[in-house]
Amino acid sequence: MTRQRTIGIMIFVLAIVGFFLYAYLLMLSEWSPIVLQLSVLMAVGGILGVISWIGYNMATSRPSPSSLVTDDKFPAQWDPKLGIHVT
């Protein structure tokens, strides 16, 4: 058996064991309230972490050359058929 396959099987088994351990802690143990609170905290923290990472990348990235073109070079013209300005 290759090393990659062995690692894959270990990850698979550990994930299943982790699920049953989590289910036991959440449903049958006295630690249920804190396990639930930590689960929600980690989920919300993960979602907000991804949102903050997107915002950071938007704030610190350089504009692409296509976004440097202004509308002044290509003025919009009125299209009477569509009823809108087109470039």
C-alpha atoms as a PDB file:
ATOM      1  CA  MET A   1       0.000   0.000   0.000  1.00  0.00           C
ATOM      2  CA  THR A   2       1.357   3.432  -0.882  1.00  0.00           C
ATOM      3  CA  ARG A   3       2.008   6.139   1.664  1.00  0.00           C
ATOM      4  CA  GLN A   4      -0.663   8.393   0.130  1.00  0.00           C
ATOM      5  CA  ARG A   5      -3.301   5.656   0.410  1.00  0.00           C
ATOM      6  CA  THR A   6      -2.345   4.976   4.040  1.00  0.00           C
ATOM      7  CA  ILE A   7      -2.665   8.659   4.924  1.00  0.00           C
ATOM      8  CA  GLY A   8      -6.015   8.782   3.118  1.00  0.00           C
ATOM      9  CA  ILE A   9      -7.359   5.826   5.110  1.00  0.00           C
ATOM     10  CA  MET A  10      -6.125   7.369   8.370  1.00  0.00           C
ATOM     11  CA  ILE A  11      -7.844  10.682   7.571  1.00  0.00           C
ATOM     12  CA  PHE A  12     -11.049   8.810   6.700  1.00  0.00           C
ATOM     13  CA  VAL A  13     -11.062   6.782   9.929  1.00  0.00           C
ATOM     14  CA  LEU A  14     -10.126   9.774  12.112  1.00  0.00           C
ATOM     15  CA  ALA A  15     -12.919  11.857  10.581  1.00  0.00           C
ATOM     16  CA  ILE A  16     -15.492   9.160  11.403  1.00  0.00           C
ATOM     17  CA  VAL A  17     -14.126   8.737  14.946  1.00  0.00           C
ATOM     18  CA  GLY A  18     -14.150  12.522  15.354  1.00  0.00           C
ATOM     19  CA  PHE A  19     -17.786  12.671  14.280  1.00  0.00           C
ATOM     20  CA  PHE A  20     -18.845  10.055  16.819  1.00  0.00           C
ATOM     21  CA  LEU A  21     -16.808  11.726  19.560  1.00  0.00           C
ATOM     22  CA  TYR A  22     -18.429  15.066  18.722  1.00  0.00           C
ATOM     23  CA  ALA A  23     -21.889  13.463  18.678  1.00  0.00           C
ATOM     24  CA  TYR A  24     -21.255  11.877  22.082  1.00  0.00           C
ATOM     25  CA  LEU A  25     -19.993  15.142  23.576  1.00  0.00           C
ATOM     26  CA  LEU A  26     -22.931  17.058  22.112  1.00  0.00           C
ATOM     27  CA  MET A  27     -25.727  14.624  22.972  1.00  0.00           C
ATOM     28  CA  LEU A  28     -24.766  12.456  25.914  1.00  0.00           C
ATOM     29  CA  SER A  29     -22.173  14.195  28.050  1.00  0.00           C
ATOM     30  CA  GLU A  30     -22.329  16.897  30.683  1.00  0.00           C
ATOM     31  CA  TRP A  31     -20.151  19.027  28.387  1.00  0.00           C
ATOM     32  CA  SER A  32     -23.011  19.482  25.913  1.00  0.00           C
ATOM     33  CA  PRO A  33     -23.651  23.235  26.461  1.00  0.00           C
ATOM     34  CA  ILE A  34     -20.002  24.226  26.128  1.00  0.00           C
ATOM     35  CA  VAL A  35     -19.485  21.948  23.099  1.00  0.00           C
ATOM     36  CA  LEU A  36     -22.460  23.602  21.406  1.00  0.00           C
ATOM     37  CA  GLN A  37     -21.223  27.083  22.280  1.00  0.00           C
ATOM     38  CA  LEU A  38     -17.730  26.352  20.982  1.00  0.00           C
ATOM     39  CA  SER A  39     -19.145  24.847  17.787  1.00  0.00           C
ATOM     40  CA  VAL A  40     -21.212  27.934  17.058  1.00  0.00           C
ATOM     41  CA  LEU A  41     -18.292  30.193  17.976  1.00  0.00           C
ATOM     42  CA  MET A  42     -15.972  28.365  15.571  1.00  0.00           C
ATOM     43  CA  ALA A  43     -18.549  28.394  12.751  1.00  0.00           C
ATOM     44  CA  VAL A  44     -19.270  32.122  13.107  1.00  0.00           C
ATOM     45  CA  GLY A  45     -15.557  32.868  13.495  1.00  0.00           C
ATOM     46  CA  GLY A  46     -14.773  30.920  10.339  1.00  0.00           C
ATOM     47  CA  ILE A  47     -17.433  32.696   8.294  1.00  0.00           C
ATOM     48  CA  LEU A  48     -16.404  36.135   9.556  1.00  0.00           C
ATOM     49  CA  GLY A  49     -12.745  35.235   8.994  1.00  0.00           C
ATOM     50  CA  VAL A  50     -13.426  34.469   5.335  1.00  0.00           C
ATOM     51  CA  ILE A  51     -15.405  37.709   4.958  1.00  0.00           C
ATOM     52  CA  SER A  52     -12.615  39.746   6.559  1.00  0.00           C
ATOM     53  CA  TRP A  53     -10.023  38.038   4.324  1.00  0.00           C
ATOM     54  CA  ILE A  54     -12.056  39.012   1.236  1.00  0.00           C
ATOM     55  CA  GLY A  55     -12.296  42.604   2.482  1.00  0.00           C
ATOM     56  CA  TYR A  56      -8.566  42.745   3.222  1.00  0.00           C
ATOM     57  CA  ASN A  57      -7.738  41.475  -0.264  1.00  0.00           C
ATOM     58  CA  MET A  58     -10.093  43.985  -1.857  1.00  0.00           C
ATOM     59  CA  ALA A  59      -8.570  46.822   0.160  1.00  0.00           C
ATOM     60  CA  THR A  60      -4.906  45.955  -0.446  1.00  0.00           C
ATOM     61  CA  SER A  61      -4.871  44.666  -4.029  1.00  0.00           C
ATOM     62  CA  ARG A  62      -3.773  46.848  -6.905  1.00  0.00           C
ATOM     63  CA  PRO A  63      -6.410  47.664  -9.492  1.00  0.00           C
ATOM     64  CA  SER A  64      -6.249  45.631 -12.674  1.00  0.00           C
ATOM     65  CA  PRO A  65      -5.409  47.448 -15.930  1.00  0.00           C
ATOM     66  CA  SER A  66      -8.962  46.959 -17.192  1.00  0.00           C
ATOM     67  CA  SER A  67     -10.402  48.820 -14.200  1.00  0.00           C
ATOM     68  CA  LEU A  68      -8.134  51.833 -14.821  1.00  0.00           C
ATOM     69  CA  VAL A  69     -10.104  52.839 -17.921  1.00  0.00           C
ATOM     70  CA  THR A  70     -12.424  55.719 -17.103  1.00  0.00           C
ATOM     71  CA  ASP A  71     -15.780  56.402 -18.668  1.00  0.00           C
ATOM     72  CA  ASP A  72     -14.530  59.782 -19.948  1.00  0.00           C
ATOM     73  CA  LYS A  73     -12.628  58.096 -22.796  1.00  0.00           C
ATOM     74  CA  PHE A  74     -15.719  56.244 -23.948  1.00  0.00           C
ATOM     75  CA  PRO A  75     -18.730  58.477 -23.354  1.00  0.00           C
ATOM     76  CA  ALA A  76     -22.054  56.717 -23.173  1.00  0.00           C
ATOM     77  CA  GLN A  77     -24.557  57.380 -25.934  1.00  0.00           C
ATOM     78  CA  TRP A  78     -28.310  57.259 -25.632  1.00  0.00           C
ATOM     79  CA  ASP A  79     -29.949  54.339 -27.432  1.00  0.00           C
ATOM     80  CA  PRO A  80     -33.586  55.217 -28.120  1.00  0.00           C
ATOM     81  CA  LYS A  81     -34.513  51.607 -28.902  1.00  0.00           C
ATOM     82  CA  LEU A  82     -33.225  50.286 -25.570  1.00  0.00           C
ATOM     83  CA  GLY A  83     -33.970  53.424 -23.584  1.00  0.00           C
ATOM     84  CA  ILE A  84     -30.555  53.309 -21.875  1.00  0.00           C
ATOM     85  CA  HIS A  85     -27.049  54.708 -22.217  1.00  0.00           C
ATOM     86  CA  VAL A  86     -24.675  52.329 -24.009  1.00  0.00           C
ATOM     87  CA  THR A  87     -20.918  52.559 -24.484  1.00  0.00           C
END
